[in-house]
PDB file of N, CA and C in Angstrom:
ATOM      1  N   UNK A   1     -12.178  17.835 -24.779  1.00  0.00           N
ATOM      2  CA  UNK A   1     -12.061  17.019 -23.675  1.00  0.00           C
ATOM      3  C   UNK A   1     -10.967  17.479 -22.640  1.00  0.00           C
ATOM      4  N   UNK A   2     -11.299  17.452 -21.448  1.00  0.00           N
ATOM      5  CA  UNK A   2     -10.507  17.931 -20.341  1.00  0.00           C
ATOM      6  C   UNK A   2      -9.543  16.772 -19.941  1.00  0.00           C
ATOM      7  N   UNK A   3      -8.308  16.786 -20.345  1.00  0.00           N
ATOM      8  CA  UNK A   3      -7.340  15.772 -19.945  1.00  0.00           C
ATOM      9  C   UNK A   3      -6.770  15.892 -18.543  1.00  0.00           C
ATOM     10  N   UNK A   4      -6.966  17.071 -17.918  1.00  0.00           N
ATOM     11  CA  UNK A   4      -6.278  17.211 -16.546  1.00  0.00           C
ATOM     12  C   UNK A   4      -6.805  16.186 -15.698  1.00  0.00           C
ATOM     13  N   UNK A   5      -8.052  15.851 -15.788  1.00  0.00           N
ATOM     14  CA  UNK A   5      -8.624  14.785 -14.848  1.00  0.00           C
ATOM     15  C   UNK A   5      -8.048  13.358 -15.162  1.00  0.00           C
ATOM     16  N   UNK A   6      -7.748  13.160 -16.416  1.00  0.00           N
ATOM     17  CA  UNK A   6      -7.171  11.883 -16.896  1.00  0.00           C
ATOM     18  C   UNK A   6      -5.826  11.692 -16.417  1.00  0.00           C
ATOM     19  N   UNK A   7      -5.026  12.773 -16.195  1.00  0.00           N
ATOM     20  CA  UNK A   7      -3.644  12.692 -15.951  1.00  0.00           C
ATOM     21  C   UNK A   7      -3.458  12.835 -14.363  1.00  0.00           C
ATOM     22  N   UNK A   8      -4.533  13.104 -13.683  1.00  0.00           N
ATOM     23  CA  UNK A   8      -4.488  13.324 -12.277  1.00  0.00           C
ATOM     24  C   UNK A   8      -3.816  12.026 -11.521  1.00  0.00           C
ATOM     25  N   UNK A   9      -2.940  12.196 -10.555  1.00  0.00           N
ATOM     26  CA  UNK A   9      -2.355  11.037 -10.004  1.00  0.00           C
ATOM     27  C   UNK A   9      -3.473  10.447  -9.013  1.00  0.00           C
ATOM     28  N   UNK A  10      -3.218   9.155  -8.858  1.00  0.00           N
ATOM     29  CA  UNK A  10      -4.114   8.410  -7.991  1.00  0.00           C
ATOM     30  C   UNK A  10      -3.546   8.569  -6.484  1.00  0.00           C
ATOM     31  N   UNK A  11      -4.362   9.027  -5.658  1.00  0.00           N
ATOM     32  CA  UNK A  11      -3.957   9.279  -4.288  1.00  0.00           C
ATOM     33  C   UNK A  11      -4.144   7.869  -3.530  1.00  0.00           C
ATOM     34  N   UNK A  12      -3.184   7.352  -2.957  1.00  0.00           N
ATOM     35  CA  UNK A  12      -3.334   6.164  -2.079  1.00  0.00           C
ATOM     36  C   UNK A  12      -3.668   6.582  -0.576  1.00  0.00           C
ATOM     37  N   UNK A  13      -4.399   5.834   0.024  1.00  0.00           N
ATOM     38  CA  UNK A  13      -4.788   5.985   1.345  1.00  0.00           C
ATOM     39  C   UNK A  13      -3.627   5.496   2.203  1.00  0.00           C
ATOM     40  N   UNK A  14      -3.260   6.341   3.173  1.00  0.00           N
ATOM     41  CA  UNK A  14      -2.163   5.999   4.101  1.00  0.00           C
ATOM     42  C   UNK A  14      -2.598   5.056   5.138  1.00  0.00           C
ATOM     43  N   UNK A  15      -1.866   4.179   5.631  1.00  0.00           N
ATOM     44  CA  UNK A  15      -1.985   3.430   6.849  1.00  0.00           C
ATOM     45  C   UNK A  15      -1.923   4.195   8.130  1.00  0.00           C
ATOM     46  N   UNK A  16      -2.831   4.012   8.976  1.00  0.00           N
ATOM     47  CA  UNK A  16      -2.626   4.550  10.392  1.00  0.00           C
ATOM     48  C   UNK A  16      -1.847   3.537  11.228  1.00  0.00           C
ATOM     49  N   UNK A  17      -1.500   3.849  12.479  1.00  0.00           N
ATOM     50  CA  UNK A  17      -0.849   2.997  13.379  1.00  0.00           C
ATOM     51  C   UNK A  17      -1.629   1.693  13.468  1.00  0.00           C
ATOM     52  N   UNK A  18      -2.888   1.909  13.866  1.00  0.00           N
ATOM     53  CA  UNK A  18      -3.820   0.753  14.270  1.00  0.00           C
ATOM     54  C   UNK A  18      -4.023  -0.078  12.918  1.00  0.00           C
ATOM     55  N   UNK A  19      -4.289   0.525  11.825  1.00  0.00           N
ATOM     56  CA  UNK A  19      -4.440  -0.204  10.516  1.00  0.00           C
ATOM     57  C   UNK A  19      -3.112  -1.038  10.168  1.00  0.00           C
ATOM     58  N   UNK A  20      -2.018  -0.319  10.202  1.00  0.00           N
ATOM     59  CA  UNK A  20      -0.872  -1.098   9.805  1.00  0.00           C
ATOM     60  C   UNK A  20      -0.503  -2.233  10.769  1.00  0.00           C
ATOM     61  N   UNK A  21      -0.723  -1.950  12.042  1.00  0.00           N
ATOM     62  CA  UNK A  21      -0.451  -2.937  13.138  1.00  0.00           C
ATOM     63  C   UNK A  21      -1.341  -4.238  12.774  1.00  0.00           C
ATOM     64  N   UNK A  22      -2.618  -3.991  12.512  1.00  0.00           N
ATOM     65  CA  UNK A  22      -3.500  -5.022  12.061  1.00  0.00           C
ATOM     66  C   UNK A  22      -3.062  -5.753  10.826  1.00  0.00           C
ATOM     67  N   UNK A  23      -2.709  -5.055   9.894  1.00  0.00           N
ATOM     68  CA  UNK A  23      -2.334  -5.465   8.607  1.00  0.00           C
ATOM     69  C   UNK A  23      -1.050  -6.484   8.783  1.00  0.00           C
ATOM     70  N   UNK A  24      -0.036  -5.949   9.685  1.00  0.00           N
ATOM     71  CA  UNK A  24       1.118  -6.815   9.803  1.00  0.00           C
ATOM     72  C   UNK A  24       0.931  -7.856  10.861  1.00  0.00           C
ATOM     73  N   UNK A  25      -0.118  -7.830  11.638  1.00  0.00           N
ATOM     74  CA  UNK A  25      -0.296  -8.808  12.685  1.00  0.00           C
ATOM     75  C   UNK A  25       0.602  -8.451  13.991  1.00  0.00           C
ATOM     76  N   UNK A  26       0.979  -7.272  14.239  1.00  0.00           N
ATOM     77  CA  UNK A  26       1.776  -6.968  15.214  1.00  0.00           C
ATOM     78  C   UNK A  26       1.089  -5.806  16.174  1.00  0.00           C
ATOM     79  N   UNK A  27       1.531  -5.525  17.283  1.00  0.00           N
ATOM     80  CA  UNK A  27       1.001  -4.507  18.121  1.00  0.00           C
ATOM     81  C   UNK A  27       1.401  -3.101  17.688  1.00  0.00           C
ATOM     82  N   UNK A  28       0.619  -2.091  17.992  1.00  0.00           N
ATOM     83  CA  UNK A  28       1.000  -0.649  17.644  1.00  0.00           C
ATOM     84  C   UNK A  28       2.292  -0.373  18.403  1.00  0.00           C
ATOM     85  N   UNK A  29       2.470  -0.912  19.575  1.00  0.00           N
ATOM     86  CA  UNK A  29       3.735  -0.604  20.333  1.00  0.00           C
ATOM     87  C   UNK A  29       4.966  -1.120  19.513  1.00  0.00           C
ATOM     88  N   UNK A  30       4.789  -2.372  18.915  1.00  0.00           N
ATOM     89  CA  UNK A  30       5.919  -2.876  18.046  1.00  0.00           C
ATOM     90  C   UNK A  30       6.287  -1.969  16.932  1.00  0.00           C
ATOM     91  N   UNK A  31       5.218  -1.267  16.320  1.00  0.00           N
ATOM     92  CA  UNK A  31       5.520  -0.359  15.250  1.00  0.00           C
ATOM     93  C   UNK A  31       6.354   0.927  15.710  1.00  0.00           C
ATOM     94  N   UNK A  32       5.898   1.307  17.034  1.00  0.00           N
ATOM     95  CA  UNK A  32       6.634   2.575  17.590  1.00  0.00           C
ATOM     96  C   UNK A  32       8.111   2.080  17.906  1.00  0.00           C
ATOM     97  N   UNK A  33       8.206   0.797  18.497  1.00  0.00           N
ATOM     98  CA  UNK A  33       9.643   0.247  18.748  1.00  0.00           C
ATOM     99  C   UNK A  33      10.473   0.252  17.445  1.00  0.00           C
ATOM    100  N   UNK A  34       9.781  -0.254  16.441  1.00  0.00           N
ATOM    101  CA  UNK A  34      10.510  -0.394  15.143  1.00  0.00           C
ATOM    102  C   UNK A  34      10.913   0.952  14.570  1.00  0.00           C
ATOM    103  N   UNK A  35      10.112   2.023  14.806  1.00  0.00           N
ATOM    104  CA  UNK A  35      10.512   3.190  14.285  1.00  0.00           C
ATOM    105  C   UNK A  35      11.639   3.745  15.214  1.00  0.00           C
ATOM    106  N   UNK A  36      11.592   3.648  16.482  1.00  0.00           N
ATOM    107  CA  UNK A  36      12.811   4.116  17.282  1.00  0.00           C
ATOM    108  C   UNK A  36      14.125   3.411  16.932  1.00  0.00           C
ATOM    109  N   UNK A  37      13.988   2.089  16.666  1.00  0.00           N
ATOM    110  CA  UNK A  37      15.234   1.453  16.253  1.00  0.00           C
ATOM    111  C   UNK A  37      15.502   1.577  14.679  1.00  0.00           C
ATOM    112  N   UNK A  38      14.603   2.156  14.014  1.00  0.00           N
ATOM    113  CA  UNK A  38      14.772   2.368  12.535  1.00  0.00           C
ATOM    114  C   UNK A  38      14.876   1.093  11.831  1.00  0.00           C
ATOM    115  N   UNK A  39      14.087   0.121  12.145  1.00  0.00           N
ATOM    116  CA  UNK A  39      14.021  -1.280  11.487  1.00  0.00           C
ATOM    117  C   UNK A  39      12.778  -1.583  10.781  1.00  0.00           C
ATOM    118  N   UNK A  40      11.706  -0.719  11.037  1.00  0.00           N
ATOM    119  CA  UNK A  40      10.381  -0.918  10.424  1.00  0.00           C
ATOM    120  C   UNK A  40      10.181  -0.147   9.003  1.00  0.00           C
ATOM    121  N   UNK A  41       8.974  -0.231   8.521  1.00  0.00           N
ATOM    122  CA  UNK A  41       8.842   0.423   7.291  1.00  0.00           C
ATOM    123  C   UNK A  41       8.855   1.868   7.542  1.00  0.00           C
ATOM    124  N   UNK A  42       9.243   2.785   6.497  1.00  0.00           N
ATOM    125  CA  UNK A  42       9.373   4.155   6.813  1.00  0.00           C
ATOM    126  C   UNK A  42       8.039   4.827   6.872  1.00  0.00           C
ATOM    127  N   UNK A  43       7.992   5.621   7.961  1.00  0.00           N
ATOM    128  CA  UNK A  43       6.794   6.368   8.256  1.00  0.00           C
ATOM    129  C   UNK A  43       6.811   7.843   7.998  1.00  0.00           C
ATOM    130  N   UNK A  44       5.649   8.550   7.759  1.00  0.00           N
ATOM    131  CA  UNK A  44       5.601   9.909   7.465  1.00  0.00           C
ATOM    132  C   UNK A  44       4.804  10.523   8.612  1.00  0.00           C
ATOM    133  N   UNK A  45       5.263  11.656   9.051  1.00  0.00           N
ATOM    134  CA  UNK A  45       4.502  12.392  10.050  1.00  0.00           C
ATOM    135  C   UNK A  45       3.540  13.298   9.380  1.00  0.00           C
ATOM    136  N   UNK A  46       2.217  13.169   9.721  1.00  0.00           N
ATOM    137  CA  UNK A  46       1.150  14.036   9.195  1.00  0.00           C
ATOM    138  C   UNK A  46       0.640  14.713  10.423  1.00  0.00           C
ATOM    139  N   UNK A  47       0.993  15.974  10.567  1.00  0.00           N
ATOM    140  CA  UNK A  47       0.756  16.634  11.826  1.00  0.00           C
ATOM    141  C   UNK A  47       1.370  16.023  13.039  1.00  0.00           C
ATOM    142  N   UNK A  48       0.681  15.560  13.866  1.00  0.00           N
ATOM    143  CA  UNK A  48       1.312  14.798  15.053  1.00  0.00           C
ATOM    144  C   UNK A  48       1.194  13.247  14.878  1.00  0.00           C
ATOM    145  N   UNK A  49       0.603  12.853  13.768  1.00  0.00           N
ATOM    146  CA  UNK A  49       0.258  11.429  13.572  1.00  0.00           C
ATOM    147  C   UNK A  49       1.224  10.735  12.717  1.00  0.00           C
ATOM    148  N   UNK A  50       1.493   9.565  12.861  1.00  0.00           N
ATOM    149  CA  UNK A  50       2.312   8.690  12.012  1.00  0.00           C
ATOM    150  C   UNK A  50       1.440   7.917  10.994  1.00  0.00           C
ATOM    151  N   UNK A  51       1.860   7.932   9.702  1.00  0.00           N
ATOM    152  CA  UNK A  51       1.287   7.420   8.688  1.00  0.00           C
ATOM    153  C   UNK A  51       2.202   6.629   7.882  1.00  0.00           C
ATOM    154  N   UNK A  52       1.814   5.608   7.159  1.00  0.00           N
ATOM    155  CA  UNK A  52       2.707   4.764   6.264  1.00  0.00           C
ATOM    156  C   UNK A  52       1.989   4.550   4.824  1.00  0.00           C
ATOM    157  N   UNK A  53       2.908   4.734   3.894  1.00  0.00           N
ATOM    158  CA  UNK A  53       2.450   4.503   2.447  1.00  0.00           C
ATOM    159  C   UNK A  53       2.405   2.973   2.131  1.00  0.00           C
ATOM    160  N   UNK A  54       1.168   2.511   1.654  1.00  0.00           N
ATOM    161  CA  UNK A  54       1.140   1.143   1.387  1.00  0.00           C
ATOM    162  C   UNK A  54       2.266   0.654   0.516  1.00  0.00           C
ATOM    163  N   UNK A  55       2.638   1.423  -0.478  1.00  0.00           N
ATOM    164  CA  UNK A  55       3.712   0.991  -1.499  1.00  0.00           C
ATOM    165  C   UNK A  55       5.109   0.805  -0.676  1.00  0.00           C
ATOM    166  N   UNK A  56       5.324   1.758   0.291  1.00  0.00           N
ATOM    167  CA  UNK A  56       6.481   1.660   1.134  1.00  0.00           C
ATOM    168  C   UNK A  56       6.521   0.423   1.942  1.00  0.00           C
ATOM    169  N   UNK A  57       5.354   0.170   2.544  1.00  0.00           N
ATOM    170  CA  UNK A  57       5.198  -0.989   3.447  1.00  0.00           C
ATOM    171  C   UNK A  57       5.493  -2.241   2.647  1.00  0.00           C
ATOM    172  N   UNK A  58       4.989  -2.395   1.406  1.00  0.00           N
ATOM    173  CA  UNK A  58       5.069  -3.596   0.530  1.00  0.00           C
ATOM    174  C   UNK A  58       6.590  -3.560   0.129  1.00  0.00           C
ATOM    175  N   UNK A  59       7.277  -2.617  -0.135  1.00  0.00           N
ATOM    176  CA  UNK A  59       8.734  -2.561  -0.420  1.00  0.00           C
ATOM    177  C   UNK A  59       9.489  -3.151   0.815  1.00  0.00           C
ATOM    178  N   UNK A  60       9.144  -2.641   1.932  1.00  0.00           N
ATOM    179  CA  UNK A  60       9.837  -3.030   3.199  1.00  0.00           C
ATOM    180  C   UNK A  60       9.677  -4.502   3.487  1.00  0.00           C
ATOM    181  N   UNK A  61       8.450  -5.131   3.237  1.00  0.00           N
ATOM    182  CA  UNK A  61       8.070  -6.433   3.302  1.00  0.00           C
ATOM    183  C   UNK A  61       8.882  -7.311   2.313  1.00  0.00           C
ATOM    184  N   UNK A  62       9.132  -6.679   1.049  1.00  0.00           N
ATOM    185  CA  UNK A  62       9.875  -7.456   0.098  1.00  0.00           C
ATOM    186  C   UNK A  62      11.320  -7.738   0.515  1.00  0.00           C
ATOM    187  N   UNK A  63      11.858  -6.628   1.153  1.00  0.00           N
ATOM    188  CA  UNK A  63      13.309  -6.684   1.726  1.00  0.00           C
ATOM    189  C   UNK A  63      13.284  -7.588   2.903  1.00  0.00           C
ATOM    190  N   UNK A  64      12.256  -7.792   3.727  1.00  0.00           N
ATOM    191  CA  UNK A  64      12.213  -8.542   4.845  1.00  0.00           C
ATOM    192  C   UNK A  64      12.221 -10.020   4.393  1.00  0.00           C
ATOM    193  N   UNK A  65      11.596 -10.279   3.209  1.00  0.00           N
ATOM    194  CA  UNK A  65      11.547 -11.654   2.766  1.00  0.00           C
ATOM    195  C   UNK A  65      12.766 -12.185   2.084  1.00  0.00           C
ATOM    196  N   UNK A  66      13.683 -11.177   1.780  1.00  0.00           N
ATOM    197  CA  UNK A  66      14.966 -11.540   1.169  1.00  0.00           C
ATOM    198  C   UNK A  66      16.140 -11.903   2.349  1.00  0.00           C
ATOM    199  N   UNK A  67      15.801 -11.642   3.485  1.00  0.00           N
ATOM    200  CA  UNK A  67      16.754 -11.814   4.586  1.00  0.00           C
ATOM    201  C   UNK A  67      16.746 -13.239   4.982  1.00  0.00           C
TER     202      UNK A  67
END
């Protein structure tokens, strides 16, 4: 039995600017503003595009709920 496929990590799909803006109910401009102010969820640059890990967005939302 090949266990390498069983142990392979699950790859989560990253949020694009438009997808995350829709998910959070804000405009893409708001996401860019948050990034400049360093107040939004942490983003990753993939080439020239910004992307967000769903788990990082959820963690950021949890912190926002505690404020």
